[in-house]
N, C-alpha and C. Protein backbone atom coordinates (compact mmCIF):
# COMPACT_ATOMS: atom_id res chain seq x y z
N MET A 1 65.82 11.06 61.71
CA MET A 1 65.16 12.33 61.86
C MET A 1 63.80 12.26 61.16
N VAL A 2 62.79 12.82 61.79
CA VAL A 2 61.44 12.80 61.24
C VAL A 2 61.30 13.88 60.19
N GLN A 3 60.74 13.49 59.06
CA GLN A 3 60.51 14.47 58.01
C GLN A 3 59.29 15.31 58.36
N ARG A 4 59.33 16.56 58.00
CA ARG A 4 58.22 17.46 58.30
C ARG A 4 56.92 17.02 57.63
N THR A 5 57.02 16.42 56.46
CA THR A 5 55.81 16.02 55.75
C THR A 5 55.07 14.90 56.46
N LYS A 6 55.72 14.21 57.38
CA LYS A 6 55.08 13.12 58.11
C LYS A 6 54.53 13.59 59.45
N ARG A 7 54.67 14.86 59.74
CA ARG A 7 54.13 15.41 60.98
C ARG A 7 52.63 15.61 60.83
N GLY A 8 51.95 15.58 61.95
CA GLY A 8 50.52 15.84 61.91
C GLY A 8 49.94 15.90 63.31
N ILE A 9 48.80 16.50 63.40
CA ILE A 9 48.08 16.59 64.67
C ILE A 9 46.77 15.85 64.50
N GLY A 10 46.54 14.91 65.38
CA GLY A 10 45.30 14.15 65.34
C GLY A 10 44.14 14.97 65.88
N ALA A 11 42.93 14.49 65.61
CA ALA A 11 41.73 15.21 66.05
C ALA A 11 41.67 15.33 67.56
N GLY A 12 42.05 14.29 68.28
CA GLY A 12 42.02 14.34 69.74
C GLY A 12 42.99 15.37 70.30
N GLU A 13 44.18 15.40 69.75
CA GLU A 13 45.17 16.38 70.19
C GLU A 13 44.73 17.80 69.84
N ALA A 14 44.13 17.96 68.67
CA ALA A 14 43.65 19.28 68.24
C ALA A 14 42.54 19.77 69.16
N GLU A 15 41.67 18.86 69.62
CA GLU A 15 40.60 19.26 70.53
C GLU A 15 41.17 19.76 71.86
N GLY A 16 42.20 19.07 72.37
CA GLY A 16 42.85 19.52 73.60
C GLY A 16 43.51 20.87 73.42
N MET A 17 44.18 21.05 72.29
CA MET A 17 44.83 22.33 72.01
C MET A 17 43.77 23.44 71.90
N LYS A 18 42.65 23.11 71.28
CA LYS A 18 41.59 24.10 71.09
C LYS A 18 41.01 24.55 72.44
N ARG A 19 40.86 23.63 73.39
CA ARG A 19 40.37 24.00 74.72
C ARG A 19 41.33 24.97 75.41
N GLU A 20 42.63 24.66 75.33
CA GLU A 20 43.63 25.54 75.94
C GLU A 20 43.67 26.89 75.23
N LEU A 21 43.57 26.86 73.91
CA LEU A 21 43.57 28.09 73.13
C LEU A 21 42.38 28.96 73.49
N SER A 22 41.22 28.34 73.67
CA SER A 22 40.01 29.07 74.01
C SER A 22 40.16 29.79 75.35
N ALA A 23 40.74 29.11 76.33
CA ALA A 23 40.95 29.73 77.65
C ALA A 23 41.90 30.92 77.53
N PHE A 24 42.98 30.75 76.76
CA PHE A 24 43.93 31.84 76.57
C PHE A 24 43.28 33.00 75.82
N HIS A 25 42.44 32.67 74.83
CA HIS A 25 41.76 33.70 74.05
C HIS A 25 40.86 34.55 74.94
N ARG A 26 40.14 33.92 75.86
CA ARG A 26 39.30 34.68 76.80
C ARG A 26 40.15 35.63 77.63
N GLN A 27 41.33 35.17 78.05
CA GLN A 27 42.23 36.01 78.84
C GLN A 27 42.70 37.22 78.02
N VAL A 28 43.05 36.98 76.77
CA VAL A 28 43.50 38.08 75.89
C VAL A 28 42.38 39.10 75.71
N LEU A 29 41.14 38.63 75.55
CA LEU A 29 40.01 39.55 75.40
C LEU A 29 39.81 40.39 76.67
N GLN A 30 40.01 39.78 77.83
CA GLN A 30 39.90 40.53 79.08
C GLN A 30 40.99 41.59 79.17
N TRP A 31 42.19 41.24 78.77
CA TRP A 31 43.28 42.22 78.78
C TRP A 31 42.96 43.37 77.82
N SER A 32 42.44 43.02 76.63
CA SER A 32 42.11 44.04 75.63
C SER A 32 41.06 45.02 76.16
N ALA A 33 40.12 44.50 76.95
CA ALA A 33 39.06 45.35 77.50
C ALA A 33 39.61 46.37 78.48
N LYS A 34 40.74 46.09 79.08
CA LYS A 34 41.33 46.99 80.07
C LYS A 34 42.30 48.00 79.44
N ALA A 35 42.82 47.69 78.27
CA ALA A 35 43.82 48.55 77.63
C ALA A 35 43.14 49.72 76.92
N PRO A 36 43.73 50.91 77.01
CA PRO A 36 43.17 52.06 76.29
C PRO A 36 43.24 51.86 74.77
N VAL A 37 42.13 52.12 74.10
CA VAL A 37 42.07 51.95 72.65
C VAL A 37 43.08 52.88 71.98
N GLY A 38 43.79 52.35 71.02
CA GLY A 38 44.77 53.14 70.28
C GLY A 38 46.17 53.07 70.85
N GLU A 39 46.32 52.60 72.06
CA GLU A 39 47.65 52.47 72.66
C GLU A 39 48.36 51.27 72.04
N PRO A 40 49.68 51.26 72.02
CA PRO A 40 50.41 50.13 71.45
C PRO A 40 50.03 48.78 72.09
N LEU A 41 49.75 48.78 73.38
CA LEU A 41 49.35 47.54 74.04
C LEU A 41 48.04 47.01 73.45
N TYR A 42 47.08 47.89 73.25
CA TYR A 42 45.79 47.49 72.68
C TYR A 42 45.98 46.94 71.26
N VAL A 43 46.78 47.63 70.47
CA VAL A 43 47.01 47.21 69.09
C VAL A 43 47.66 45.83 69.06
N SER A 44 48.64 45.59 69.92
CA SER A 44 49.30 44.29 69.93
C SER A 44 48.36 43.20 70.43
N LEU A 45 47.49 43.51 71.40
CA LEU A 45 46.52 42.52 71.87
C LEU A 45 45.50 42.21 70.80
N GLU A 46 45.10 43.18 70.01
CA GLU A 46 44.17 42.93 68.91
C GLU A 46 44.82 42.05 67.84
N THR A 47 46.09 42.29 67.59
CA THR A 47 46.82 41.44 66.64
C THR A 47 46.87 40.00 67.15
N LEU A 48 47.16 39.85 68.43
CA LEU A 48 47.17 38.52 69.04
C LEU A 48 45.79 37.89 68.97
N ASN A 49 44.75 38.67 69.20
CA ASN A 49 43.38 38.18 69.12
C ASN A 49 43.09 37.60 67.74
N HIS A 50 43.46 38.31 66.70
CA HIS A 50 43.23 37.82 65.34
C HIS A 50 44.04 36.56 65.05
N ALA A 51 45.26 36.49 65.55
CA ALA A 51 46.07 35.28 65.37
C ALA A 51 45.43 34.09 66.07
N LEU A 52 44.85 34.31 67.23
CA LEU A 52 44.18 33.24 67.96
C LEU A 52 42.94 32.76 67.22
N ILE A 53 42.22 33.68 66.60
CA ILE A 53 41.04 33.30 65.82
C ILE A 53 41.45 32.42 64.64
N LEU A 54 42.51 32.82 63.94
CA LEU A 54 42.98 32.01 62.82
C LEU A 54 43.48 30.64 63.27
N THR A 55 44.17 30.59 64.40
CA THR A 55 44.65 29.32 64.93
C THR A 55 43.48 28.43 65.30
N ASP A 56 42.44 29.01 65.89
CA ASP A 56 41.25 28.24 66.23
C ASP A 56 40.62 27.62 64.99
N ARG A 57 40.55 28.38 63.92
CA ARG A 57 39.99 27.86 62.66
C ARG A 57 40.81 26.69 62.12
N GLU A 58 42.12 26.82 62.18
CA GLU A 58 42.97 25.75 61.68
C GLU A 58 42.84 24.50 62.55
N LEU A 59 42.74 24.68 63.87
CA LEU A 59 42.54 23.53 64.75
C LEU A 59 41.19 22.87 64.46
N GLN A 60 40.17 23.66 64.19
CA GLN A 60 38.87 23.08 63.84
C GLN A 60 38.97 22.29 62.55
N GLY A 61 39.78 22.76 61.61
CA GLY A 61 40.01 22.02 60.38
C GLY A 61 40.67 20.68 60.65
N ALA A 62 41.62 20.65 61.60
CA ALA A 62 42.27 19.39 61.96
C ALA A 62 41.27 18.46 62.63
N ILE A 63 40.37 19.00 63.44
CA ILE A 63 39.35 18.19 64.09
C ILE A 63 38.39 17.62 63.05
N ASP A 64 38.02 18.44 62.08
CA ASP A 64 37.10 18.01 61.02
C ASP A 64 37.81 17.16 59.97
N ASN A 65 39.13 17.01 60.12
CA ASN A 65 39.96 16.23 59.20
C ASN A 65 39.96 16.79 57.78
N GLU A 66 40.00 18.09 57.69
CA GLU A 66 40.12 18.72 56.38
C GLU A 66 40.94 19.99 56.54
N ARG A 67 41.67 20.30 55.53
CA ARG A 67 42.48 21.52 55.55
C ARG A 67 41.62 22.69 55.13
N LYS A 68 41.58 23.70 55.97
CA LYS A 68 40.79 24.90 55.67
C LYS A 68 41.70 25.94 55.04
N ALA A 69 41.26 26.52 53.99
CA ALA A 69 42.00 27.62 53.37
C ALA A 69 41.22 28.90 53.62
N TRP A 70 41.80 29.78 54.37
CA TRP A 70 41.16 31.06 54.66
C TRP A 70 41.84 32.11 53.80
N PRO A 71 41.15 32.64 52.81
CA PRO A 71 41.77 33.61 51.91
C PRO A 71 42.15 34.90 52.66
N PRO A 72 43.18 35.57 52.19
CA PRO A 72 43.58 36.82 52.82
C PRO A 72 42.43 37.82 52.84
N GLY A 73 42.23 38.45 53.99
CA GLY A 73 41.18 39.43 54.13
C GLY A 73 39.82 38.85 54.42
N TRP A 74 39.75 37.53 54.63
CA TRP A 74 38.46 36.90 54.90
C TRP A 74 37.89 37.42 56.20
N GLN A 75 36.69 37.92 56.17
CA GLN A 75 35.99 38.53 57.31
C GLN A 75 36.81 39.64 57.95
N GLY A 76 37.55 40.37 57.13
CA GLY A 76 38.28 41.51 57.62
C GLY A 76 39.58 41.18 58.32
N LEU A 77 39.97 39.90 58.35
CA LEU A 77 41.21 39.53 59.01
C LEU A 77 42.36 39.49 58.04
């Protein structure tokens, strides 16, 4: 069985994931633009949007070969 500490994502794999994530993020933004502000759907899409932004940052850290630490509340997230 593979130990979790030996897991990792290479820069090439992270770049591929980032491309797919970017396409999905654009789709989420389009959905958010159609949802009425304040409705539960809009709130959940905004939450998903923020999660995608954080995931993008972490993937960029894997591409840059460094671990990024984003403090809680950084840029309002």
